[in-house]
């Protein structure tokens, strides 16, 4: 099964399972979007993980985990990475206007 097919299957299953599953899927998407953004920006700047680690005062292994979607960085780590990458950390409302849940 190709990755795109897998993603479509997961999306279909989440839609059938209801709002809680759809929220969980949205959280996973955000997590991997962050990983992709860090990786793409680092590469666009021509930095190695080691160079970014030194600039951000973060361990290279943490950058690797973040870029591979396995990390769970703190806000401080995100702020350090953003600063070193010339970015900023922000929260925004989803484009569909949903405000989330305060379960």
Protein backbone atom coordinates (compact mmCIF):
# COMPACT_ATOMS: atom_id res chain seq x y z
CA UNK A 1 0.00 0.00 0.00
CA UNK A 2 1.33 3.43 -0.92
CA UNK A 3 1.56 6.15 1.70
CA UNK A 4 -1.13 8.27 0.02
CA UNK A 5 -3.51 5.30 0.06
CA UNK A 6 -2.77 4.72 3.72
CA UNK A 7 -3.49 8.38 4.54
CA UNK A 8 -6.80 8.24 2.67
CA UNK A 9 -7.75 5.09 4.56
CA UNK A 10 -6.91 6.69 7.92
CA UNK A 11 -8.91 9.81 6.98
CA UNK A 12 -11.91 7.68 6.01
CA UNK A 13 -11.72 5.68 9.23
CA UNK A 14 -11.45 8.88 11.29
CA UNK A 15 -14.49 10.34 9.54
CA UNK A 16 -16.46 7.19 10.27
CA UNK A 17 -15.28 7.06 13.90
CA UNK A 18 -16.51 10.57 14.65
CA UNK A 19 -15.30 13.90 16.02
CA UNK A 20 -12.84 12.55 18.61
CA UNK A 21 -10.98 10.53 15.99
CA UNK A 22 -10.99 13.50 13.62
CA UNK A 23 -9.47 15.72 16.35
CA UNK A 24 -6.79 13.11 16.98
CA UNK A 25 -5.99 12.98 13.27
CA UNK A 26 -5.73 16.78 13.19
CA UNK A 27 -3.25 16.64 16.09
CA UNK A 28 -1.10 14.12 14.24
CA UNK A 29 -1.19 16.31 11.13
CA UNK A 30 -0.01 19.32 13.16
CA UNK A 31 2.78 17.25 14.68
CA UNK A 32 4.09 16.08 11.31
CA UNK A 33 3.62 19.52 9.73
CA UNK A 34 5.93 20.94 12.40
CA UNK A 35 8.50 18.22 11.70
CA UNK A 36 8.37 18.93 7.97
CA UNK A 37 8.70 22.70 8.51
CA UNK A 38 11.80 22.35 10.68
CA UNK A 39 13.42 19.96 8.22
CA UNK A 40 12.61 22.04 5.13
CA UNK A 41 13.75 25.32 6.70
CA UNK A 42 17.01 23.78 7.96
CA UNK A 43 17.76 22.43 4.49
CA UNK A 44 16.78 25.71 2.81
CA UNK A 45 19.33 27.48 5.01
CA UNK A 46 21.96 24.87 4.13
CA UNK A 47 22.41 23.80 7.75
CA UNK A 48 23.26 20.37 9.07
CA UNK A 49 21.50 19.09 12.15
CA UNK A 50 24.72 19.64 14.06
CA UNK A 51 24.94 23.27 12.95
CA UNK A 52 21.32 23.92 13.88
CA UNK A 53 21.86 22.22 17.22
CA UNK A 54 24.78 24.53 17.99
CA UNK A 55 22.88 27.64 16.88
CA UNK A 56 19.78 26.72 18.90
CA UNK A 57 21.54 25.23 21.94
CA UNK A 58 19.59 22.02 21.42
CA UNK A 59 20.99 18.50 21.14
CA UNK A 60 21.37 17.17 17.62
CA UNK A 61 19.53 14.02 18.67
CA UNK A 62 16.49 16.12 19.63
CA UNK A 63 16.50 17.79 16.22
CA UNK A 64 16.66 14.37 14.59
CA UNK A 65 13.68 13.16 16.65
CA UNK A 66 11.68 16.29 15.80
CA UNK A 67 12.42 16.03 12.09
CA UNK A 68 11.50 12.33 12.09
CA UNK A 69 8.18 13.02 13.81
CA UNK A 70 9.22 11.17 16.98
CA UNK A 71 10.09 14.19 19.10
CA UNK A 72 7.89 15.98 21.58
CA UNK A 73 9.69 19.31 21.93
CA UNK A 74 9.03 21.77 24.72
CA UNK A 75 7.91 25.30 23.94
CA UNK A 76 11.41 26.49 24.88
CA UNK A 77 12.99 24.07 22.40
CA UNK A 78 10.59 25.23 19.69
CA UNK A 79 11.40 28.86 20.47
CA UNK A 80 15.14 28.17 20.26
CA UNK A 81 14.78 26.33 16.96
CA UNK A 82 12.53 29.04 15.54
CA UNK A 83 15.04 31.72 16.49
CA UNK A 84 17.94 29.81 14.93
CA UNK A 85 15.89 29.20 11.77
CA UNK A 86 14.65 32.79 11.47
CA UNK A 87 11.08 31.75 12.24
CA UNK A 88 8.58 32.39 15.02
CA UNK A 89 6.35 30.10 17.04
CA UNK A 90 2.65 30.91 16.91
CA UNK A 91 -0.76 29.41 17.51
CA UNK A 92 -3.60 30.02 15.09
CA UNK A 93 -7.19 29.03 14.65
CA UNK A 94 -7.82 26.29 12.11
CA UNK A 95 -8.96 27.50 8.71
CA UNK A 96 -12.36 25.86 9.27
CA UNK A 97 -12.97 28.14 12.28
CA UNK A 98 -13.11 25.30 14.79
CA UNK A 99 -11.85 26.41 18.18
CA UNK A 100 -11.06 23.02 19.64
CA UNK A 101 -12.39 21.36 22.72
CA UNK A 102 -11.92 22.01 26.40
CA UNK A 103 -12.82 18.42 27.34
